[in-house]
């Protein structure tokens, strides 16, 4: 019985020993800095993916270009397609924001994502 109590107390004491290990003040600073850098690396990878996707986003500038192109072809007397003729008489309004607005909106979103790592 006494052996069991000694073994049990020894096991209990040895299991708590690692939790009593000394921790230096710089360890916490290092861990916090490491976590922040790791978070920033993940966020920057997400931002790169979003920037690539942003390049393929439709913009209102394309509709404006098609409208002006159709008007120019009509004025110069070049043959135009039915779709271009429709754009000459009733230009399509762009339903997407232009790329400058997209860029500003995305830059604000990127800043929020980067600030979330602090």
N, C-alpha and C. Protein backbone atom coordinates (compact mmCIF):
# COMPACT_ATOMS: atom_id res chain seq x y z
N UNK A 1 0.82 -1.19 0.00
CA UNK A 1 0.00 0.00 0.00
C UNK A 1 0.87 1.25 0.00
N UNK A 2 1.91 1.20 0.84
CA UNK A 2 2.81 2.34 0.94
C UNK A 2 3.54 2.57 -0.39
N UNK A 3 3.90 1.47 -1.07
CA UNK A 3 4.57 1.59 -2.37
C UNK A 3 3.65 2.27 -3.37
N UNK A 4 2.39 1.92 -3.35
CA UNK A 4 1.43 2.52 -4.28
C UNK A 4 1.31 4.02 -4.05
N UNK A 5 1.25 4.42 -2.81
CA UNK A 5 1.12 5.85 -2.49
C UNK A 5 2.37 6.59 -2.94
N UNK A 6 3.52 6.01 -2.71
CA UNK A 6 4.78 6.65 -3.12
C UNK A 6 4.83 6.74 -4.65
N UNK A 7 4.47 5.66 -5.33
CA UNK A 7 4.47 5.68 -6.80
C UNK A 7 3.48 6.72 -7.33
N UNK A 8 2.31 6.76 -6.73
CA UNK A 8 1.29 7.72 -7.18
C UNK A 8 1.75 9.15 -6.95
N UNK A 9 2.31 9.42 -5.78
CA UNK A 9 2.77 10.79 -5.49
C UNK A 9 3.95 11.16 -6.38
N UNK A 10 4.82 10.19 -6.68
CA UNK A 10 5.95 10.44 -7.56
C UNK A 10 5.46 10.76 -8.98
N UNK A 11 4.47 10.00 -9.46
CA UNK A 11 3.91 10.26 -10.80
C UNK A 11 3.24 11.63 -10.85
N UNK A 12 2.52 11.97 -9.81
CA UNK A 12 1.86 13.27 -9.76
C UNK A 12 2.88 14.40 -9.73
N UNK A 13 3.93 14.25 -8.97
CA UNK A 13 4.97 15.27 -8.87
C UNK A 13 5.71 15.41 -10.19
N UNK A 14 6.02 14.31 -10.88
CA UNK A 14 6.73 14.36 -12.16
C UNK A 14 5.86 14.95 -13.27
N UNK A 15 4.55 14.76 -13.18
CA UNK A 15 3.67 15.32 -14.22
C UNK A 15 3.55 16.84 -14.10
N UNK A 16 3.71 17.38 -12.89
CA UNK A 16 3.63 18.83 -12.71
C UNK A 16 4.96 19.52 -12.91
N UNK A 17 6.03 18.77 -13.00
CA UNK A 17 7.36 19.35 -13.12
C UNK A 17 7.55 20.18 -14.40
N UNK A 18 7.10 19.73 -15.58
CA UNK A 18 7.28 20.56 -16.78
C UNK A 18 6.55 21.90 -16.71
N UNK A 19 5.44 21.95 -15.99
CA UNK A 19 4.71 23.21 -15.90
C UNK A 19 5.44 24.22 -15.03
N UNK A 20 6.39 23.76 -14.23
CA UNK A 20 7.16 24.66 -13.37
C UNK A 20 8.44 25.13 -14.05
N UNK A 21 8.62 24.78 -15.31
CA UNK A 21 9.84 25.17 -16.03
C UNK A 21 9.92 26.68 -16.10
N UNK A 22 11.15 27.18 -16.13
CA UNK A 22 11.37 28.62 -16.12
C UNK A 22 11.05 29.21 -17.49
N UNK A 23 10.33 30.31 -17.49
CA UNK A 23 10.02 31.01 -18.74
C UNK A 23 10.61 32.41 -18.64
N UNK A 24 11.41 32.74 -19.64
CA UNK A 24 12.04 34.05 -19.66
C UNK A 24 11.07 35.10 -20.19
N UNK A 25 11.22 36.36 -19.79
CA UNK A 25 10.32 37.41 -20.28
C UNK A 25 10.37 37.57 -21.80
N UNK A 26 11.51 37.28 -22.40
CA UNK A 26 11.62 37.45 -23.85
C UNK A 26 10.87 36.36 -24.61
N UNK A 27 10.57 35.23 -23.95
CA UNK A 27 9.85 34.16 -24.63
C UNK A 27 8.47 34.61 -25.07
N UNK A 28 7.77 35.32 -24.19
CA UNK A 28 6.44 35.81 -24.54
C UNK A 28 6.48 36.81 -25.67
N UNK A 29 7.47 37.68 -25.66
CA UNK A 29 7.61 38.68 -26.73
C UNK A 29 7.88 37.97 -28.05
N UNK A 30 8.76 36.97 -28.02
CA UNK A 30 9.09 36.23 -29.24
C UNK A 30 7.85 35.52 -29.78
N UNK A 31 7.10 34.87 -28.90
CA UNK A 31 5.92 34.14 -29.35
C UNK A 31 4.88 35.08 -29.95
N UNK A 32 4.68 36.23 -29.32
CA UNK A 32 3.71 37.20 -29.85
C UNK A 32 4.17 37.71 -31.21
N UNK A 33 5.46 38.01 -31.33
CA UNK A 33 6.02 38.49 -32.60
C UNK A 33 5.90 37.42 -33.68
N UNK A 34 6.17 36.17 -33.31
CA UNK A 34 6.08 35.07 -34.26
C UNK A 34 4.65 34.88 -34.74
N UNK A 35 3.69 34.93 -33.81
CA UNK A 35 2.28 34.78 -34.18
C UNK A 35 1.84 35.90 -35.13
N UNK A 36 2.30 37.12 -34.87
CA UNK A 36 1.93 38.24 -35.73
C UNK A 36 2.50 38.06 -37.12
N UNK A 37 3.77 37.65 -37.21
CA UNK A 37 4.39 37.44 -38.52
C UNK A 37 3.70 36.32 -39.28
N UNK A 38 3.33 35.28 -38.58
CA UNK A 38 2.64 34.17 -39.22
C UNK A 38 1.28 34.62 -39.74
N UNK A 39 0.57 35.41 -38.95
CA UNK A 39 -0.73 35.94 -39.37
C UNK A 39 -0.56 36.85 -40.59
N UNK A 40 0.45 37.72 -40.55
CA UNK A 40 0.69 38.61 -41.69
C UNK A 40 1.03 37.84 -42.95
N UNK A 41 1.77 36.76 -42.82
CA UNK A 41 2.10 35.94 -43.99
C UNK A 41 0.85 35.33 -44.59
N UNK A 42 -0.06 34.83 -43.74
CA UNK A 42 -1.33 34.27 -44.23
C UNK A 42 -2.17 35.34 -44.91
N UNK A 43 -2.25 36.52 -44.29
CA UNK A 43 -3.05 37.62 -44.84
C UNK A 43 -2.48 38.08 -46.18
N UNK A 44 -1.16 38.19 -46.28
CA UNK A 44 -0.54 38.62 -47.54
C UNK A 44 -0.81 37.61 -48.65
N UNK A 45 -0.83 36.32 -48.31
CA UNK A 45 -1.16 35.31 -49.32
C UNK A 45 -2.60 35.48 -49.80
N UNK A 46 -3.52 35.76 -48.86
CA UNK A 46 -4.91 36.00 -49.24
C UNK A 46 -5.03 37.25 -50.10
N UNK A 47 -4.28 38.29 -49.75
CA UNK A 47 -4.33 39.54 -50.50
C UNK A 47 -3.84 39.33 -51.93
N UNK A 48 -2.79 38.54 -52.10
CA UNK A 48 -2.28 38.26 -53.45
C UNK A 48 -3.34 37.55 -54.28
N UNK A 49 -4.05 36.59 -53.68
CA UNK A 49 -5.12 35.90 -54.41
C UNK A 49 -6.23 36.88 -54.79
N UNK A 50 -6.56 37.78 -53.85
CA UNK A 50 -7.63 38.75 -54.13
C UNK A 50 -7.22 39.73 -55.21
N UNK A 51 -5.93 40.11 -55.24
CA UNK A 51 -5.46 41.03 -56.27
C UNK A 51 -5.53 40.39 -57.65
N UNK A 52 -5.17 39.10 -57.73
CA UNK A 52 -5.26 38.39 -59.00
C UNK A 52 -6.71 38.30 -59.46
N UNK A 53 -7.62 38.05 -58.52
CA UNK A 53 -9.03 37.98 -58.87
C UNK A 53 -9.56 39.35 -59.27
N UNK A 54 -9.01 40.41 -58.66
CA UNK A 54 -9.46 41.76 -58.97
C UNK A 54 -9.12 42.14 -60.41
N UNK A 55 -8.04 41.58 -60.95
CA UNK A 55 -7.66 41.89 -62.33
C UNK A 55 -8.68 41.35 -63.33
N UNK A 56 -9.40 40.30 -62.97
CA UNK A 56 -10.38 39.72 -63.88
C UNK A 56 -11.79 40.23 -63.62
N UNK A 57 -11.96 41.12 -62.64
CA UNK A 57 -13.29 41.65 -62.35
C UNK A 57 -13.76 42.55 -63.48
N UNK A 58 -15.03 42.46 -63.85
CA UNK A 58 -15.53 43.39 -64.86
C UNK A 58 -15.60 44.80 -64.29
N UNK A 59 -15.39 45.78 -65.14
CA UNK A 59 -15.45 47.16 -64.66
C UNK A 59 -16.34 47.98 -65.59
N UNK A 60 -16.82 49.09 -65.07
CA UNK A 60 -17.67 49.97 -65.86
C UNK A 60 -16.93 50.62 -67.00
N UNK A 61 -15.61 50.68 -66.91
CA UNK A 61 -14.83 51.31 -67.97
C UNK A 61 -14.94 50.52 -69.27
N UNK A 62 -15.14 49.21 -69.18
CA UNK A 62 -15.26 48.41 -70.39
C UNK A 62 -16.54 48.77 -71.14
N UNK A 63 -17.64 48.95 -70.41
CA UNK A 63 -18.89 49.37 -71.05
C UNK A 63 -18.73 50.75 -71.70
N UNK A 64 -18.05 51.65 -71.02
CA UNK A 64 -17.82 52.98 -71.59
C UNK A 64 -16.99 52.88 -72.87
N UNK A 65 -15.99 52.01 -72.87
CA UNK A 65 -15.18 51.83 -74.06
C UNK A 65 -16.02 51.27 -75.21
N UNK A 66 -16.86 50.28 -74.93
CA UNK A 66 -17.70 49.71 -75.99
C UNK A 66 -18.66 50.75 -76.54
N UNK A 67 -19.22 51.59 -75.67
CA UNK A 67 -20.12 52.65 -76.14
C UNK A 67 -19.39 53.63 -77.05
N UNK A 68 -18.21 54.08 -76.65
CA UNK A 68 -17.48 55.05 -77.47
C UNK A 68 -16.99 54.40 -78.76
N UNK A 69 -16.60 53.14 -78.70
CA UNK A 69 -16.15 52.43 -79.91
C UNK A 69 -17.30 52.32 -80.92
N UNK A 70 -18.49 52.01 -80.42
CA UNK A 70 -19.65 51.90 -81.31
C UNK A 70 -19.99 53.25 -81.93
N UNK A 71 -19.93 54.33 -81.13
CA UNK A 71 -20.20 55.67 -81.67
C UNK A 71 -19.18 56.04 -82.74
N UNK A 72 -17.91 55.74 -82.49
CA UNK A 72 -16.86 56.07 -83.47
C UNK A 72 -17.06 55.32 -84.77
N UNK A 73 -17.40 54.05 -84.68
CA UNK A 73 -17.62 53.26 -85.91
C UNK A 73 -18.84 53.80 -86.67
N UNK A 74 -19.86 54.22 -85.94
CA UNK A 74 -21.07 54.75 -86.59
C UNK A 74 -20.76 56.08 -87.28
N UNK A 75 -20.00 56.96 -86.61
CA UNK A 75 -19.67 58.28 -87.18
C UNK A 75 -18.79 58.17 -88.41
N UNK A 76 -17.88 57.20 -88.41
CA UNK A 76 -16.97 57.07 -89.55
C UNK A 76 -17.58 56.29 -90.70
N UNK A 77 -18.74 55.71 -90.49
CA UNK A 77 -19.41 54.99 -91.56
C UNK A 77 -18.96 53.55 -91.71
N UNK A 78 -18.23 53.04 -90.76
CA UNK A 78 -17.82 51.64 -90.82
C UNK A 78 -19.01 50.74 -90.50
N UNK A 79 -19.02 49.53 -91.02
CA UNK A 79 -20.14 48.63 -90.72
C UNK A 79 -20.17 48.29 -89.22
N UNK A 80 -21.36 48.27 -88.67
CA UNK A 80 -21.51 47.96 -87.25
C UNK A 80 -22.49 46.81 -87.07
N UNK A 81 -22.33 46.09 -85.99
CA UNK A 81 -23.20 44.96 -85.68
C UNK A 81 -24.49 45.48 -85.04
N UNK A 82 -25.51 44.63 -84.98
CA UNK A 82 -26.76 45.07 -84.31
C UNK A 82 -26.54 45.48 -82.85
N UNK A 83 -25.65 44.80 -82.18
CA UNK A 83 -25.37 45.16 -80.78
C UNK A 83 -24.72 46.54 -80.71
N UNK A 84 -23.81 46.83 -81.64
CA UNK A 84 -23.18 48.15 -81.66
C UNK A 84 -24.20 49.23 -82.02
N UNK A 85 -25.11 48.91 -82.94
CA UNK A 85 -26.15 49.87 -83.31
C UNK A 85 -27.02 50.19 -82.10
N UNK A 86 -27.31 49.17 -81.33
CA UNK A 86 -28.11 49.37 -80.12
C UNK A 86 -27.36 50.27 -79.14
N UNK A 87 -26.06 50.11 -79.03
CA UNK A 87 -25.25 50.95 -78.14
C UNK A 87 -25.18 52.39 -78.64
N UNK A 88 -25.26 52.59 -79.95
CA UNK A 88 -25.21 53.96 -80.49
C UNK A 88 -26.48 54.71 -80.09
N UNK A 89 -27.63 54.06 -80.25
CA UNK A 89 -28.90 54.75 -79.99
C UNK A 89 -29.28 54.76 -78.51
N UNK A 90 -28.91 53.74 -77.80
CA UNK A 90 -29.20 53.68 -76.35
C UNK A 90 -27.98 53.09 -75.65
N UNK A 91 -27.01 53.94 -75.30
CA UNK A 91 -25.79 53.42 -74.67
C UNK A 91 -26.10 52.71 -73.36
N UNK A 92 -25.42 51.60 -73.15
CA UNK A 92 -25.62 50.84 -71.91
C UNK A 92 -24.92 51.55 -70.77
N UNK A 93 -25.62 51.65 -69.66
CA UNK A 93 -25.00 52.23 -68.47
C UNK A 93 -24.18 51.14 -67.77
N UNK A 94 -23.01 51.50 -67.31
CA UNK A 94 -22.21 50.49 -66.60
C UNK A 94 -22.85 50.14 -65.26
N UNK A 95 -23.03 48.85 -65.02
CA UNK A 95 -23.63 48.44 -63.75
C UNK A 95 -22.57 48.03 -62.74
N UNK A 96 -21.30 48.01 -63.13
CA UNK A 96 -20.21 47.74 -62.20
C UNK A 96 -19.45 49.04 -61.95
N UNK A 97 -18.85 49.16 -60.77
CA UNK A 97 -18.02 50.35 -60.52
C UNK A 97 -16.76 50.29 -61.38
N UNK A 98 -16.17 51.45 -61.60
CA UNK A 98 -14.96 51.45 -62.42
C UNK A 98 -13.78 50.91 -61.61
N UNK A 99 -12.68 50.68 -62.28
CA UNK A 99 -11.55 50.01 -61.63
C UNK A 99 -10.94 50.87 -60.53
N UNK A 100 -11.00 52.19 -60.66
CA UNK A 100 -10.45 53.05 -59.60
C UNK A 100 -11.25 52.88 -58.31
N UNK A 101 -12.57 52.82 -58.42
CA UNK A 101 -13.40 52.60 -57.22
C UNK A 101 -13.14 51.21 -56.64
N UNK A 102 -13.01 50.21 -57.52
CA UNK A 102 -12.69 48.86 -57.05
C UNK A 102 -11.38 48.85 -56.29
N UNK A 103 -10.38 49.54 -56.83
CA UNK A 103 -9.06 49.56 -56.20
C UNK A 103 -9.13 50.22 -54.83
N UNK A 104 -9.82 51.35 -54.73
CA UNK A 104 -9.93 52.03 -53.44
C UNK A 104 -10.65 51.17 -52.40
N UNK A 105 -11.72 50.52 -52.84
CA UNK A 105 -12.48 49.67 -51.93
C UNK A 105 -11.63 48.48 -51.46
N UNK A 106 -10.90 47.88 -52.39
CA UNK A 106 -10.08 46.73 -52.03
C UNK A 106 -8.89 47.14 -51.15
N UNK A 107 -8.32 48.32 -51.40
CA UNK A 107 -7.20 48.78 -50.56
C UNK A 107 -7.66 48.98 -49.12
N UNK A 108 -8.85 49.53 -48.94
CA UNK A 108 -9.39 49.69 -47.58
C UNK A 108 -9.60 48.33 -46.93
N UNK A 109 -10.08 47.38 -47.72
CA UNK A 109 -10.29 46.03 -47.20
C UNK A 109 -8.96 45.36 -46.83
N UNK A 110 -7.93 45.58 -47.64
CA UNK A 110 -6.61 45.02 -47.34
C UNK A 110 -6.06 45.60 -46.05
N UNK A 111 -6.25 46.90 -45.83
CA UNK A 111 -5.76 47.53 -44.60
C UNK A 111 -6.44 46.93 -43.37
N UNK A 112 -7.74 46.68 -43.47
CA UNK A 112 -8.47 46.08 -42.35
C UNK A 112 -7.93 44.67 -42.08
N UNK A 113 -7.66 43.93 -43.15
CA UNK A 113 -7.13 42.58 -42.98
C UNK A 113 -5.75 42.61 -42.31
N UNK A 114 -4.91 43.55 -42.71
CA UNK A 114 -3.57 43.64 -42.12
C UNK A 114 -3.65 44.08 -40.66
N UNK A 115 -4.58 44.98 -40.34
CA UNK A 115 -4.71 45.45 -38.96
C UNK A 115 -5.24 44.37 -38.03
N UNK A 116 -5.94 43.38 -38.59
CA UNK A 116 -6.49 42.32 -37.74
C UNK A 116 -5.39 41.46 -37.12
N UNK A 117 -4.18 41.55 -37.65
CA UNK A 117 -3.07 40.74 -37.11
C UNK A 117 -2.36 41.41 -35.95
N UNK A 118 -2.72 42.60 -35.59
CA UNK A 118 -2.01 43.30 -34.51
C UNK A 118 -2.53 42.94 -33.16
